[in-house]
Amino acid sequence: MAYNLLRATGALTNAFHTKATTATLRAHLIHVPARLARSARRLTLHLPQRWPWHDAWTHLFASLHTPPKAARRH
């Protein structure tokens, strides 16, 4: 199950991570060098500014946290 979740993660980020190995996905997207801060009951994740996979990670986060599109009625 973890393998399938990593494959889906890679497919949601970009073309490079779609074909990447499991170890590469773990190194680039799972082991995130971030700082977690709490303020006023909200959690904030601070990613490094010059982290090479910042765009891939934020794209993955945005695609997972957007509401699903409404189904079209015919």
C-alpha atoms as a PDB file:
ATOM      1  CA  MET A   1       0.000   0.000   0.000  1.00  0.00           C
ATOM      2  CA  ALA A   2       2.855   2.390   0.786  1.00  0.00           C
ATOM      3  CA  TYR A   3       4.348   1.702  -2.646  1.00  0.00           C
ATOM      4  CA  ASN A   4       1.075   2.582  -4.365  1.00  0.00           C
ATOM      5  CA  LEU A   5       0.742   5.779  -2.341  1.00  0.00           C
ATOM      6  CA  LEU A   6       4.272   6.815  -3.306  1.00  0.00           C
ATOM      7  CA  ARG A   7       3.547   6.090  -6.974  1.00  0.00           C
ATOM      8  CA  ALA A   8       0.411   8.258  -6.782  1.00  0.00           C
ATOM      9  CA  THR A   9       2.426  10.983  -5.054  1.00  0.00           C
ATOM     10  CA  GLY A  10       5.001  10.921  -7.826  1.00  0.00           C
ATOM     11  CA  ALA A  11       2.306  11.068 -10.494  1.00  0.00           C
ATOM     12  CA  LEU A  12       0.723  14.131  -8.897  1.00  0.00           C
ATOM     13  CA  THR A  13       3.927  16.177  -8.704  1.00  0.00           C
ATOM     14  CA  ASN A  14       5.711  16.279 -12.075  1.00  0.00           C
ATOM     15  CA  ALA A  15       7.133  14.129 -14.891  1.00  0.00           C
ATOM     16  CA  PHE A  16      10.470  13.563 -13.139  1.00  0.00           C
ATOM     17  CA  HIS A  17       8.876  12.199  -9.980  1.00  0.00           C
ATOM     18  CA  THR A  18       6.410  10.080 -11.971  1.00  0.00           C
ATOM     19  CA  LYS A  19       9.309   7.886 -13.128  1.00  0.00           C
ATOM     20  CA  ALA A  20      11.421   8.204  -9.962  1.00  0.00           C
ATOM     21  CA  THR A  21      12.290   5.282  -7.709  1.00  0.00           C
ATOM     22  CA  THR A  22      10.777   4.831  -4.272  1.00  0.00           C
ATOM     23  CA  ALA A  23      14.017   5.936  -2.597  1.00  0.00           C
ATOM     24  CA  THR A  24      14.098   9.127  -4.682  1.00  0.00           C
ATOM     25  CA  LEU A  25      10.498   9.946  -3.795  1.00  0.00           C
ATOM     26  CA  ARG A  26      11.247   9.466  -0.112  1.00  0.00           C
ATOM     27  CA  ALA A  27      14.369  11.631  -0.325  1.00  0.00           C
ATOM     28  CA  HIS A  28      12.711  14.436  -2.315  1.00  0.00           C
ATOM     29  CA  LEU A  29       9.123  14.580  -1.058  1.00  0.00           C
ATOM     30  CA  ILE A  30       8.740  12.641   2.190  1.00  0.00           C
ATOM     31  CA  HIS A  31      11.872  13.643   4.122  1.00  0.00           C
ATOM     32  CA  VAL A  32      11.052  17.347   4.035  1.00  0.00           C
ATOM     33  CA  PRO A  33      13.562  19.713   5.693  1.00  0.00           C
ATOM     34  CA  ALA A  34      10.849  21.977   7.074  1.00  0.00           C
ATOM     35  CA  ARG A  35       9.996  23.752  10.297  1.00  0.00           C
ATOM     36  CA  LEU A  36       6.563  23.428  11.850  1.00  0.00           C
ATOM     37  CA  ALA A  37       5.298  26.465  13.762  1.00  0.00           C
ATOM     38  CA  ARG A  38       2.155  26.881  15.825  1.00  0.00           C
ATOM     39  CA  SER A  39       0.472  30.230  16.353  1.00  0.00           C
ATOM     40  CA  ALA A  40      -3.110  30.978  17.385  1.00  0.00           C
ATOM     41  CA  ARG A  41      -4.156  27.329  17.029  1.00  0.00           C
ATOM     42  CA  ARG A  42      -2.892  27.172  13.443  1.00  0.00           C
ATOM     43  CA  LEU A  43      -0.026  25.084  12.147  1.00  0.00           C
ATOM     44  CA  THR A  44       2.312  26.596   9.580  1.00  0.00           C
ATOM     45  CA  LEU A  45       4.854  24.572   7.616  1.00  0.00           C
ATOM     46  CA  HIS A  46       7.936  26.607   6.673  1.00  0.00           C
ATOM     47  CA  LEU A  47       9.784  25.068   3.726  1.00  0.00           C
ATOM     48  CA  PRO A  48      13.355  26.151   2.893  1.00  0.00           C
ATOM     49  CA  GLN A  49      13.469  28.968   0.332  1.00  0.00           C
ATOM     50  CA  ARG A  50      16.064  27.425  -1.975  1.00  0.00           C
ATOM     51  CA  TRP A  51      14.956  23.815  -1.593  1.00  0.00           C
ATOM     52  CA  PRO A  52      15.190  22.168  -5.073  1.00  0.00           C
ATOM     53  CA  TRP A  53      11.846  20.369  -4.799  1.00  0.00           C
ATOM     54  CA  HIS A  54       9.850  23.264  -3.351  1.00  0.00           C
ATOM     55  CA  ASP A  55       7.676  23.635  -6.465  1.00  0.00           C
ATOM     56  CA  ALA A  56       6.950  19.900  -6.712  1.00  0.00           C
ATOM     57  CA  TRP A  57       6.003  19.702  -3.037  1.00  0.00           C
ATOM     58  CA  THR A  58       3.757  22.763  -3.097  1.00  0.00           C
ATOM     59  CA  HIS A  59       2.065  21.510  -6.289  1.00  0.00           C
ATOM     60  CA  LEU A  60       1.422  18.166  -4.592  1.00  0.00           C
ATOM     61  CA  PHE A  61       0.063  19.890  -1.474  1.00  0.00           C
ATOM     62  CA  ALA A  62      -2.212  22.158  -3.517  1.00  0.00           C
ATOM     63  CA  SER A  63      -3.572  19.304  -5.616  1.00  0.00           C
ATOM     64  CA  LEU A  64      -4.381  17.250  -2.516  1.00  0.00           C
ATOM     65  CA  HIS A  65      -6.033  20.069  -0.566  1.00  0.00           C
ATOM     66  CA  THR A  66      -8.248  21.633  -3.219  1.00  0.00           C
ATOM     67  CA  PRO A  67     -11.902  20.739  -3.072  1.00  0.00           C
ATOM     68  CA  PRO A  68     -13.039  18.228  -5.685  1.00  0.00           C
ATOM     69  CA  LYS A  69     -14.721  19.546  -8.811  1.00  0.00           C
ATOM     70  CA  ALA A  70     -18.480  19.324  -8.797  1.00  0.00           C
ATOM     71  CA  ALA A  71     -19.999  16.594 -10.921  1.00  0.00           C
ATOM     72  CA  ARG A  72     -21.784  17.818 -14.022  1.00  0.00           C
ATOM     73  CA  ARG A  73     -25.437  16.964 -14.299  1.00  0.00           C
ATOM     74  CA  HIS A  74     -26.790  16.174 -17.724  1.00  0.00           C
END
